[in-house]
Amino acid sequence: MTPDATALAAMIRRKDITALEAVDDAIARAEAMQPKLNFLVTAMFEQARARARAGGLSGPFAGVPYLIKDMYDIAGVPTRWGARATEMAPLPAESSPQVKAFEATGLVLIGKSSLGEFGFLPTSEPLAFGPTRNPWDLSLSSGGSSGGAAAAVAAGVLPMADAADGGGSIRIPASACGLFGLKPSPSRLIGDQHTAGGLEVTAEHCISRSVRDSAALFAAMERVSADALLPPIGAVTGPSKRRLRVGHVIGSIGGRQPDAEVRAGVDSTARLLEQLGHTVEETTWPLDGAALNDDFFKFWMAGARDAVGLARLAINPKIVALASLALQSIGLFRDGIGRKPDQSMLEPFTLEMAGMAAHLPAGELENARARMRAYQKSYAGWFSSYDVILSPTLVQPSVPVGHIVGSMSVETLLTRIGEFADYTLIHNVARAPAMSVPLHWMTGGLPVGMQFAGREGDDRMLFELAYELEAARPWTNRRPRVFAGGSSV
């Protein structure tokens, strides 16, 4: 069995293996898997070896190798955001708060993982770097936008990797690649936007093979200062005896029915929950899903508009949608490129969204923001009847490489995105924690993730449930066809 991050850290503490040996092993696996999967944007191998060799590492993950999603700054290392236009951007002088916090846990950064252009799409196939492929089937997408992280972890390159979720970007690739991925409540972790009652939709965490790795990293990264918006939950180390009221949703937020195999997985998971003593009943989304999707897309367009410098956002930049963190990092598009971006610099999808945003009626973003606050209240009210909501993570297990790419029109992509990933963005709007758990495998071996969601602040409950599900239906020994440690299981 390949050790998870918790076990690897323990091996390093016991001196069974040195940090340098752990890092060298991960680098060797990365070099072997990169030509097959294309998950790595920027290698930091020599920096990683130097950090491991220097010694003095401390923290719960001292010496464990790690990848950072290429949307966060590392001092002296390019931040590309999956875009051609960032190729000539100046190197950051300082690392992002998230990166500093990761290094404080003892993690050793070996590189930066791939994402789609600015993380807009639920795949990781930017024109700048090419597609990241799924280790379970190389003809399929690894999901997105944290697809590089998921591909690397699923292939056994390292036990966990950084991910961020503004509309499903942790949960989508976790489902597609058979991994565990929890999107925290907003503002929970160091580096996330931190505004009480805001509309922050992006939260960072990780994609991992084991629940305990995700829970331990969450505890190490959690805000514990006096200004924390939510009471810290600390380390969650196992399941709870509490039995839950589970609402069971079948159709997607936009009214689509899931693939037959996905439906079979949800039904099987509902039966498992009942066997474990939880109460399960079918329910429906507590709001107009089509309206929510439409309003979310308006903020998505606004993010693209700002990114390409067609106009400045007319709203507080802390209240943006999918590309919220991008807007802080790519000011060169507003002020420094010297010409209007075109298709040699940015993908047609990004440019078309930006053009659409420029034609939004005056005040429409403010109106959409008001409606989103109403969606938050409707979602929170749902939990007067339920403790947790079960749904599929995705409409279908994955999509072929080339099916969702930024060279396509907005109309085509919105249709295809809805047919693939139409269960996740509601939780970003609702400020709710949600997780994808790998509980079902198709006859041909493809993983199917099940999504569980709570109300804002219910992160502990989700971790406790995840531990229980992991014990009842283990997944950590399953191996994809492309795996750095040998043949599949």
Protein backbone atom coordinates (compact mmCIF):
# COMPACT_ATOMS: atom_id res chain seq x y z
CA MET A 1 0.00 0.00 0.00
CA THR A 2 1.31 3.47 -0.90
CA PRO A 3 1.47 5.55 2.31
CA ASP A 4 -0.78 8.56 2.69
CA ALA A 5 0.68 11.88 3.84
CA THR A 6 0.06 11.12 7.53
CA ALA A 7 1.89 7.79 7.29
CA LEU A 8 4.72 9.28 5.23
CA ALA A 9 5.23 12.07 7.77
CA ALA A 10 5.38 9.46 10.54
CA MET A 11 7.99 7.50 8.58
CA ILE A 12 10.11 10.65 8.28
CA ARG A 13 9.77 11.42 12.00
CA ARG A 14 10.86 7.85 12.84
CA LYS A 15 13.79 8.22 10.42
CA ASP A 16 12.61 5.23 8.38
CA ILE A 17 13.12 7.57 5.45
CA THR A 18 14.63 11.04 5.17
CA ALA A 19 12.75 14.05 3.87
CA LEU A 20 15.16 14.18 0.92
CA GLU A 21 14.44 10.55 0.07
CA ALA A 22 10.69 11.24 0.23
CA VAL A 23 11.07 14.24 -2.06
CA ASP A 24 13.38 12.40 -4.47
CA ASP A 25 10.89 9.53 -4.70
CA ALA A 26 8.06 11.96 -5.52
CA ILE A 27 10.18 13.72 -8.14
CA ALA A 28 11.01 10.40 -9.80
CA ARG A 29 7.32 9.51 -9.92
CA ALA A 30 6.46 12.96 -11.27
CA GLU A 31 9.03 12.63 -14.04
CA ALA A 32 7.63 9.21 -14.97
CA MET A 33 3.97 10.30 -14.95
CA GLN A 34 4.22 13.78 -16.50
CA PRO A 35 4.56 12.60 -20.13
CA LYS A 36 1.42 10.47 -19.73
CA LEU A 37 -0.77 12.83 -17.70
CA ASN A 38 0.56 16.39 -18.16
CA PHE A 39 -0.30 17.52 -14.62
CA LEU A 40 2.78 19.66 -13.94
CA VAL A 41 3.07 23.28 -15.12
CA THR A 42 6.26 24.34 -13.35
CA ALA A 43 8.79 21.98 -11.75
CA MET A 44 10.49 23.11 -8.54
CA PHE A 45 12.60 20.01 -8.09
CA GLU A 46 15.89 21.61 -7.14
CA GLN A 47 14.25 24.07 -4.73
CA ALA A 48 12.42 21.13 -3.13
CA ARG A 49 15.60 19.09 -2.78
CA ALA A 50 17.40 22.05 -1.24
CA ARG A 51 14.60 22.58 1.33
CA ALA A 52 14.53 18.89 2.22
CA ARG A 53 18.31 18.65 2.38
CA ALA A 54 18.63 21.70 4.64
CA GLY A 55 16.72 20.01 7.45
CA GLY A 56 14.95 21.83 10.24
CA LEU A 57 11.50 21.04 8.85
CA SER A 58 8.73 20.99 11.43
CA GLY A 59 4.97 20.61 11.52
CA PRO A 60 2.54 17.74 11.04
CA PHE A 61 3.68 17.10 7.45
CA ALA A 62 7.40 17.76 7.79
CA GLY A 63 9.14 16.47 4.67
CA VAL A 64 6.01 15.43 2.76
CA PRO A 65 6.08 16.46 -0.95
CA TYR A 66 3.24 18.64 -2.22
CA LEU A 67 2.01 20.42 -5.36
CA ILE A 68 0.52 23.95 -5.42
CA LYS A 69 -2.22 24.81 -7.90
CA ASP A 70 -0.84 27.37 -10.34
CA MET A 71 -3.11 30.18 -9.17
CA TYR A 72 -1.12 31.00 -6.03
CA ASP A 73 2.17 32.87 -5.93
CA ILE A 74 5.45 31.31 -4.87
CA ALA A 75 8.29 33.80 -4.60
CA GLY A 76 10.51 33.62 -7.67
CA VAL A 77 8.29 31.09 -9.49
CA PRO A 78 5.95 31.93 -12.40
CA THR A 79 2.21 32.11 -11.73
CA ARG A 80 0.54 31.25 -15.02
CA TRP A 81 -3.18 30.69 -14.29
CA GLY A 82 -3.28 28.38 -17.31
CA ALA A 83 -3.00 31.35 -19.67
CA ARG A 84 -0.67 32.24 -22.53
CA ALA A 85 -0.93 35.93 -21.67
CA THR A 86 0.84 35.44 -18.34
CA GLU A 87 4.02 34.09 -19.94
CA MET A 88 5.85 37.41 -19.63
CA ALA A 89 4.40 38.44 -16.27
CA PRO A 90 7.00 39.39 -13.65
CA LEU A 91 7.90 36.73 -11.12
CA PRO A 92 6.20 37.28 -7.76
CA ALA A 93 8.44 38.71 -5.08
CA GLU A 94 6.50 37.15 -2.22
CA SER A 95 4.58 33.93 -1.69
CA SER A 96 0.82 33.93 -1.12
CA PRO A 97 -0.45 33.49 2.46
CA GLN A 98 -1.66 29.98 1.58
CA VAL A 99 1.79 28.99 0.38
CA LYS A 100 3.46 30.31 3.54
CA ALA A 101 0.93 28.40 5.66
CA PHE A 102 1.52 25.17 3.72
CA GLU A 103 5.26 25.48 4.21
CA ALA A 104 4.69 26.12 7.94
CA THR A 105 3.11 22.65 8.14
CA GLY A 106 6.38 21.19 6.87
CA LEU A 107 5.19 20.41 3.34
CA VAL A 108 7.87 20.55 0.64
CA LEU A 109 6.64 22.09 -2.61
CA ILE A 110 7.90 20.20 -5.67
CA GLY A 111 6.00 22.16 -8.32
CA LYS A 112 2.84 23.81 -9.55
CA SER A 113 -0.10 21.83 -10.91
CA SER A 114 -2.24 22.51 -13.96
CA LEU A 115 -5.64 24.18 -14.24
CA GLY A 116 -7.79 25.51 -17.07
CA GLU A 117 -7.44 29.16 -18.07
CA PHE A 118 -8.21 31.14 -14.89
CA GLY A 119 -10.08 28.12 -13.55
CA PHE A 120 -13.21 28.99 -15.52
CA LEU A 121 -13.97 25.47 -16.81
CA PRO A 122 -14.58 22.11 -15.06
CA THR A 123 -11.71 20.56 -17.04
CA SER A 124 -7.96 21.25 -17.14
CA GLU A 125 -7.20 21.64 -20.84
CA PRO A 126 -5.81 25.15 -21.38
CA LEU A 127 -4.55 26.08 -24.81
CA ALA A 128 -1.39 27.31 -23.08
CA PHE A 129 -0.35 23.90 -21.75
CA GLY A 130 -2.54 21.20 -23.26
CA PRO A 131 -4.87 18.70 -21.57
CA THR A 132 -4.33 16.99 -18.25
CA ARG A 133 -5.47 13.38 -18.58
CA ASN A 134 -7.26 11.04 -16.22
CA PRO A 135 -5.14 8.16 -14.84
CA TRP A 136 -8.19 5.87 -14.89
CA ASP A 137 -8.60 6.36 -18.65
CA LEU A 138 -6.21 8.57 -20.63
CA SER A 139 -8.92 9.43 -23.13
CA LEU A 140 -10.90 11.19 -20.39
CA SER A 141 -10.55 14.51 -18.59
CA SER A 142 -9.20 14.60 -15.05
CA GLY A 143 -11.81 17.26 -14.28
CA GLY A 144 -11.12 20.80 -13.23
CA SER A 145 -10.19 23.23 -12.49
CA SER A 146 -7.87 21.43 -10.02
CA GLY A 147 -7.28 18.67 -12.55
CA GLY A 148 -3.51 18.60 -12.25
CA ALA A 149 -3.71 17.99 -8.52
CA ALA A 150 -6.23 15.17 -8.94
CA ALA A 151 -4.30 13.45 -11.73
CA ALA A 152 -1.05 13.52 -9.72
CA VAL A 153 -2.63 12.18 -6.53
CA ALA A 154 -4.67 9.50 -8.30
CA ALA A 155 -1.55 8.32 -10.14
CA GLY A 156 0.39 7.97 -6.90
CA VAL A 157 2.88 10.77 -7.54
CA LEU A 158 2.19 12.15 -4.05
CA PRO A 159 -0.47 11.54 -1.40
CA MET A 160 -2.29 14.88 -1.57
CA ALA A 161 -2.10 18.17 -3.45
CA ASP A 162 -3.42 21.73 -3.26
CA ALA A 163 -6.81 22.52 -4.81
CA ALA A 164 -9.28 25.41 -4.81
CA ASP A 165 -13.02 25.45 -5.44
CA GLY A 166 -15.04 28.38 -6.82
CA GLY A 167 -17.84 26.36 -8.40
CA GLY A 168 -16.81 22.74 -7.87
CA SER A 169 -13.10 22.79 -8.68
CA ILE A 170 -12.12 20.53 -5.77
CA ARG A 171 -15.11 18.20 -5.94
CA ILE A 172 -15.29 17.76 -9.73
CA PRO A 173 -11.74 16.43 -10.23
CA ALA A 174 -11.94 14.43 -6.98
CA SER A 175 -14.99 12.65 -8.38
CA ALA A 176 -13.49 12.14 -11.83
CA CYS A 177 -10.27 10.69 -10.39
CA GLY A 178 -11.63 8.61 -7.49
CA LEU A 179 -10.34 10.77 -4.64
CA PHE A 180 -11.58 12.57 -1.54
CA GLY A 181 -12.14 16.30 -1.86
CA LEU A 182 -13.78 18.63 0.67
CA LYS A 183 -14.56 22.27 -0.06
CA PRO A 184 -14.57 24.08 3.29
CA SER A 185 -16.92 26.79 4.46
CA PRO A 186 -15.57 30.11 3.16
CA SER A 187 -13.03 32.01 5.27
CA ARG A 188 -12.23 28.86 7.27
CA LEU A 189 -8.62 28.47 6.15
CA ILE A 190 -5.62 30.79 6.04
CA GLY A 191 -5.49 32.80 2.84
CA ASP A 192 -9.15 32.52 1.86
CA GLN A 193 -11.07 35.76 1.51
CA HIS A 194 -12.31 36.82 4.89
CA THR A 195 -15.50 38.90 4.95
CA ALA A 196 -18.43 38.26 7.27
CA GLY A 197 -21.64 37.74 5.32
CA GLY A 198 -19.88 38.15 1.97
CA LEU A 199 -20.32 36.33 -1.31
CA GLU A 200 -16.90 34.76 -1.38
CA VAL A 201 -17.30 31.66 -3.46
CA THR A 202 -13.74 30.35 -3.66
CA ALA A 203 -12.28 28.19 -0.90
CA GLU A 204 -8.96 26.39 -0.89
CA HIS A 205 -8.08 23.02 0.56
CA CYS A 206 -6.69 19.84 -1.00
CA ILE A 207 -7.42 16.65 -2.89
CA SER A 208 -6.28 13.51 -1.09
CA ARG A 209 -6.48 9.73 -1.00
CA SER A 210 -7.43 9.54 2.70
CA VAL A 211 -9.87 11.44 4.88
CA ARG A 212 -7.33 11.75 7.69
CA ASP A 213 -4.88 13.61 5.44
CA SER A 214 -7.53 16.13 4.44
CA ALA A 215 -8.71 16.56 8.04
CA ALA A 216 -5.18 17.00 9.40
CA LEU A 217 -4.27 19.60 6.77
CA PHE A 218 -7.55 21.41 7.44
CA ALA A 219 -6.68 21.59 11.15
CA ALA A 220 -3.18 22.87 10.39
CA MET A 221 -4.49 25.57 8.01
CA GLU A 222 -7.55 26.65 10.00
CA ARG A 223 -7.94 30.24 11.15
CA VAL A 224 -7.77 30.31 14.93
CA SER A 225 -7.25 34.04 15.51
CA ALA A 226 -9.73 36.21 17.34
CA ASP A 227 -11.16 37.48 14.05
CA ALA A 228 -12.05 34.00 12.75
CA LEU A 229 -15.59 34.11 11.38
CA LEU A 230 -16.42 30.56 12.50
CA PRO A 231 -15.42 28.70 15.68
CA PRO A 232 -12.40 26.51 14.86
CA ILE A 233 -13.16 22.80 14.70
CA GLY A 234 -9.60 21.59 15.32
CA ALA A 235 -8.45 18.10 14.46
CA VAL A 236 -11.19 15.66 13.43
CA THR A 237 -9.80 12.16 13.90
CA GLY A 238 -12.72 9.81 13.44
CA PRO A 239 -16.45 9.32 12.97
CA SER A 240 -19.23 10.48 15.25
CA LYS A 241 -21.93 8.35 16.85
CA ARG A 242 -24.50 10.93 15.85
CA ARG A 243 -27.04 9.61 13.32
CA LEU A 244 -27.99 12.09 10.62
CA ARG A 245 -31.12 13.14 8.76
CA VAL A 246 -30.07 12.84 5.12
CA GLY A 247 -31.87 14.55 2.25
CA HIS A 248 -31.39 12.58 -0.96
CA VAL A 249 -31.38 14.67 -4.20
CA ILE A 250 -31.39 12.95 -7.59
CA GLY A 251 -31.79 15.62 -10.28
CA SER A 252 -29.18 18.32 -10.81
CA ILE A 253 -29.61 21.96 -9.86
CA GLY A 254 -30.55 22.67 -13.48
CA GLY A 255 -33.07 19.81 -13.63
CA ARG A 256 -30.93 17.19 -15.42
CA GLN A 257 -31.08 13.50 -14.59
CA PRO A 258 -27.76 11.78 -13.88
CA ASP A 259 -26.15 9.05 -15.96
CA ALA A 260 -27.52 5.59 -15.12
CA GLU A 261 -24.28 4.53 -13.42
CA VAL A 262 -24.24 7.72 -11.39
CA ARG A 263 -27.85 7.12 -10.34
CA ALA A 264 -26.92 3.58 -9.32
CA GLY A 265 -24.12 4.98 -7.19
CA VAL A 266 -26.40 7.44 -5.41
CA ASP A 267 -29.00 4.77 -4.73
CA SER A 268 -26.32 2.41 -3.41
CA THR A 269 -24.94 5.17 -1.18
CA ALA A 270 -28.41 5.91 0.19
CA ARG A 271 -28.80 2.24 1.10
CA LEU A 272 -25.38 2.26 2.77
CA LEU A 273 -26.35 5.27 4.87
CA GLU A 274 -29.52 3.52 6.01
CA GLN A 275 -27.52 0.40 6.91
CA LEU A 276 -25.30 2.63 9.03
CA GLY A 277 -28.35 3.90 10.91
CA HIS A 278 -28.90 7.26 9.23
CA THR A 279 -32.36 8.35 8.07
CA VAL A 280 -32.61 9.01 4.35
CA GLU A 281 -35.45 10.55 2.39
CA GLU A 282 -35.71 12.05 -1.08
CA THR A 283 -35.93 15.82 -1.38
CA THR A 284 -35.56 18.53 -4.01
CA TRP A 285 -33.45 21.68 -4.29
CA PRO A 286 -35.00 24.50 -2.23
CA LEU A 287 -34.65 27.18 -4.90
CA ASP A 288 -34.90 27.93 -8.62
CA GLY A 289 -31.80 26.23 -9.99
CA ALA A 290 -32.05 27.77 -13.45
CA ALA A 291 -32.12 31.27 -11.96
CA LEU A 292 -29.16 30.49 -9.70
CA ASN A 293 -27.12 29.20 -12.65
CA ASP A 294 -27.96 32.30 -14.64
CA ASP A 295 -26.97 34.69 -11.84
CA PHE A 296 -23.76 32.80 -11.15
CA PHE A 297 -22.84 33.05 -14.81
CA LYS A 298 -23.22 36.84 -14.66
CA PHE A 299 -20.50 36.96 -12.00
CA TRP A 300 -18.44 34.51 -14.03
CA MET A 301 -18.67 36.87 -17.01
CA ALA A 302 -17.68 39.79 -14.82
CA GLY A 303 -14.58 37.94 -13.70
CA ALA A 304 -13.60 37.37 -17.32
CA ARG A 305 -14.28 41.00 -18.16
CA ASP A 306 -11.95 42.17 -15.44
CA ALA A 307 -9.32 39.61 -16.34
CA VAL A 308 -8.96 40.82 -19.92
CA GLY A 309 -9.05 44.48 -19.01
CA LEU A 310 -12.21 45.41 -20.94
CA ALA A 311 -13.57 47.17 -17.86
CA ARG A 312 -13.14 47.31 -14.14
CA LEU A 313 -15.63 45.52 -11.94
CA ALA A 314 -18.28 47.91 -10.66
CA ILE A 315 -18.54 45.92 -7.43
CA ASN A 316 -16.32 45.23 -4.46
CA PRO A 317 -13.57 42.89 -5.75
CA LYS A 318 -14.06 40.74 -2.67
CA ILE A 319 -17.55 39.87 -3.94
CA VAL A 320 -16.65 38.20 -7.21
CA ALA A 321 -17.31 34.72 -8.47
CA LEU A 322 -15.15 32.02 -9.97
CA ALA A 323 -12.05 34.09 -10.75
CA SER A 324 -12.02 36.10 -7.52
CA LEU A 325 -8.44 35.25 -6.61
CA ALA A 326 -7.30 35.62 -10.21
CA LEU A 327 -8.34 39.25 -10.20
CA GLN A 328 -5.86 40.01 -7.44
CA SER A 329 -2.98 38.37 -9.31
CA ILE A 330 -3.36 39.50 -12.91
CA GLY A 331 -3.55 43.26 -12.74
CA LEU A 332 -1.24 43.30 -15.76
CA PHE A 333 -4.35 42.81 -17.91
CA ARG A 334 -5.83 46.04 -16.59
CA ASP A 335 -2.77 48.19 -16.83
CA GLY A 336 0.31 46.63 -18.36
CA ILE A 337 -0.17 44.71 -21.61
CA GLY A 338 -0.38 47.78 -23.80
CA ARG A 339 -3.02 46.39 -26.16
CA LYS A 340 -6.42 44.74 -26.12
CA PRO A 341 -6.06 40.99 -25.51
CA ASP A 342 -6.90 38.73 -28.45
CA GLN A 343 -7.02 34.99 -29.21
CA SER A 344 -3.24 34.81 -29.35
CA MET A 345 -3.26 35.63 -25.64
CA LEU A 346 -6.55 34.38 -24.21
CA GLU A 347 -8.99 31.63 -25.05
CA PRO A 348 -12.09 32.45 -27.11
CA PHE A 349 -14.34 31.44 -24.19
CA THR A 350 -12.68 33.98 -21.88
CA LEU A 351 -12.87 36.73 -24.50
CA GLU A 352 -16.50 35.99 -25.39
CA MET A 353 -17.57 36.01 -21.73
CA ALA A 354 -15.81 39.32 -21.23
CA GLY A 355 -17.63 40.79 -24.22
CA MET A 356 -20.97 39.56 -22.88
CA ALA A 357 -20.24 41.13 -19.51
CA ALA A 358 -19.67 44.49 -21.13
CA HIS A 359 -23.31 44.42 -22.30
CA LEU A 360 -24.91 43.55 -18.97
CA PRO A 361 -27.59 46.10 -18.04
CA ALA A 362 -26.57 48.71 -15.50
CA GLY A 363 -27.03 47.44 -11.96
CA GLU A 364 -27.49 43.81 -13.00
CA LEU A 365 -24.56 42.55 -10.96
CA GLU A 366 -25.96 44.24 -7.87
CA ASN A 367 -29.36 42.67 -8.59
CA ALA A 368 -27.74 39.25 -9.00
CA ARG A 369 -25.87 39.73 -5.74
CA ALA A 370 -29.14 40.46 -3.93
CA ARG A 371 -30.70 37.32 -5.41
CA MET A 372 -27.70 35.27 -4.32
CA ARG A 373 -28.25 36.38 -0.74
CA ALA A 374 -31.81 35.11 -1.07
CA TYR A 375 -30.47 31.78 -2.37
CA GLN A 376 -28.27 31.58 0.72
CA LYS A 377 -31.31 31.95 2.97
CA SER A 378 -33.30 29.35 1.05
CA TYR A 379 -30.43 26.90 1.24
CA ALA A 380 -29.91 27.46 4.98
CA GLY A 381 -33.63 26.97 5.59
CA TRP A 382 -33.43 23.51 4.01
CA PHE A 383 -31.52 22.33 7.06
CA SER A 384 -34.46 22.71 9.38
CA SER A 385 -35.40 19.28 7.98
CA TYR A 386 -32.00 17.76 7.23
CA ASP A 387 -28.48 17.58 8.65
CA VAL A 388 -26.76 16.72 5.37
CA ILE A 389 -27.69 16.52 1.69
CA LEU A 390 -26.62 13.62 -0.55
CA SER A 391 -26.41 14.05 -4.32
CA PRO A 392 -24.15 12.98 -7.16
CA THR A 393 -21.05 15.10 -7.57
CA LEU A 394 -21.33 14.99 -11.38
CA VAL A 395 -24.02 14.27 -13.93
CA GLN A 396 -21.66 11.74 -15.58
CA PRO A 397 -18.39 10.20 -14.38
CA SER A 398 -16.12 12.17 -16.72
CA VAL A 399 -16.00 13.53 -20.28
CA PRO A 400 -13.59 12.85 -23.15
CA VAL A 401 -10.52 15.03 -23.51
CA GLY A 402 -11.46 17.83 -25.92
CA HIS A 403 -15.16 17.85 -24.98
CA ILE A 404 -14.97 20.99 -22.78
CA VAL A 405 -12.21 23.36 -23.88
CA GLY A 406 -11.82 27.13 -24.05
CA SER A 407 -11.65 27.25 -27.85
CA MET A 408 -15.42 26.62 -28.01
CA SER A 409 -18.24 29.14 -27.93
CA VAL A 410 -19.96 30.13 -24.71
CA GLU A 411 -23.23 28.60 -25.90
CA THR A 412 -21.63 25.22 -26.61
CA LEU A 413 -19.69 25.20 -23.39
CA LEU A 414 -22.59 26.13 -21.14
CA THR A 415 -24.57 23.22 -22.55
CA ARG A 416 -21.71 20.79 -22.11
CA ILE A 417 -20.83 22.03 -18.63
CA GLY A 418 -24.44 21.57 -17.55
CA GLU A 419 -24.44 18.03 -18.92
CA PHE A 420 -21.29 17.26 -16.91
CA ALA A 421 -21.07 19.35 -13.73
CA ASP A 422 -24.42 20.71 -12.52
CA TYR A 423 -24.45 19.79 -8.82
CA THR A 424 -21.65 21.80 -7.24
CA LEU A 425 -21.87 25.58 -7.60
CA ILE A 426 -24.89 25.97 -5.31
CA HIS A 427 -22.66 25.28 -2.32
CA ASN A 428 -20.27 28.05 -3.31
CA VAL A 429 -23.13 30.52 -3.50
CA ALA A 430 -24.58 29.24 -0.20
CA ARG A 431 -21.25 29.48 1.69
CA ALA A 432 -21.67 25.80 2.48
CA PRO A 433 -19.07 23.06 2.94
CA ALA A 434 -19.41 20.12 0.56
CA MET A 435 -17.33 17.05 -0.24
CA SER A 436 -16.99 14.44 -2.97
CA VAL A 437 -16.44 10.93 -1.64
CA PRO A 438 -15.38 8.05 -3.96
CA LEU A 439 -18.05 5.50 -3.08
CA HIS A 440 -18.96 3.92 -6.42
CA TRP A 441 -17.07 2.39 -9.33
CA MET A 442 -18.55 1.58 -12.71
CA THR A 443 -18.30 -1.90 -14.24
CA GLY A 444 -15.38 -0.74 -16.37
CA GLY A 445 -13.58 0.67 -13.34
CA LEU A 446 -14.28 4.40 -13.59
CA PRO A 447 -14.87 6.13 -10.24
CA VAL A 448 -18.10 7.94 -9.40
CA GLY A 449 -18.05 10.46 -6.56
CA MET A 450 -20.94 11.09 -4.20
CA GLN A 451 -21.47 14.62 -2.88
CA PHE A 452 -22.42 15.44 0.72
CA ALA A 453 -23.15 19.01 1.81
CA GLY A 454 -24.05 20.78 5.03
CA ARG A 455 -24.86 24.32 6.05
CA GLU A 456 -22.19 26.94 6.61
CA GLY A 457 -19.88 25.86 9.42
CA ASP A 458 -20.73 22.13 9.28
CA ASP A 459 -17.22 21.09 8.22
CA ARG A 460 -16.71 18.84 11.26
CA MET A 461 -19.89 16.91 10.56
CA LEU A 462 -18.76 16.23 6.99
CA PHE A 463 -15.34 15.00 8.07
CA GLU A 464 -16.92 12.71 10.67
CA LEU A 465 -19.29 11.28 8.08
CA ALA A 466 -16.42 10.85 5.62
CA TYR A 467 -14.48 8.78 8.15
CA GLU A 468 -17.51 6.55 8.63
CA LEU A 469 -18.01 6.08 4.88
CA GLU A 470 -14.31 5.41 4.32
CA ALA A 471 -14.40 2.61 6.88
CA ALA A 472 -17.64 1.15 5.50
CA ARG A 473 -16.61 1.25 1.83
CA PRO A 474 -12.80 1.72 1.59
CA TRP A 475 -11.28 3.21 -1.53
CA THR A 476 -7.64 3.97 -0.74
CA ASN A 477 -6.29 0.71 -2.21
CA ARG A 478 -7.96 1.18 -5.59
CA ARG A 479 -5.46 2.05 -8.30
CA PRO A 480 -6.03 3.51 -11.77
CA ARG A 481 -4.61 2.02 -14.94
CA VAL A 482 -1.80 4.59 -14.94
CA PHE A 483 -0.14 4.50 -11.55
CA ALA A 484 3.39 5.33 -10.45
CA GLY A 485 3.53 2.52 -7.90
CA GLY A 486 2.82 -0.35 -10.31
CA SER A 487 -0.24 -2.17 -11.62
CA SER A 488 -3.81 -1.30 -10.72
CA VAL A 489 -5.74 -3.05 -7.95
